[in-house]
Amino acid sequence: MTKADLVAQIAAKANMTKAAAERSLNAMLESVQDLLAEEGKLTLTGFGTFTAETRQERQGRNPRTGEAITIAASKVVRFRPGKMLRDAINK
């Protein structure tokens, strides 16, 4: 599914125009991004929890040359689905 498909589905379910649905989706995505950057955690009850976690610096290998390299520390987003989402997927 693409973003355009999701916008069309939101517009149909919420009885709104595609333009309004896209603005709503963009606002939601920006809000999630801002919350994770500031607070590091967002819980949507029943849907799941997004968390921003720090990944430690680690050693890796260049797949082309086999040379050892250091992969810098970074932040990653993790998602843990809620019970309602898990149940809906596992019907």
Foldseek 3Di string as FASTA:
>chain_A
DDPQVVLVVQCVVVVHDSVVSSVVVVVVVVVVVVCCVPPQWDADPQFWIKGKDKDCWDWDADVVPRDIDIDHIDIDIDIDGHPNNVVVVVD
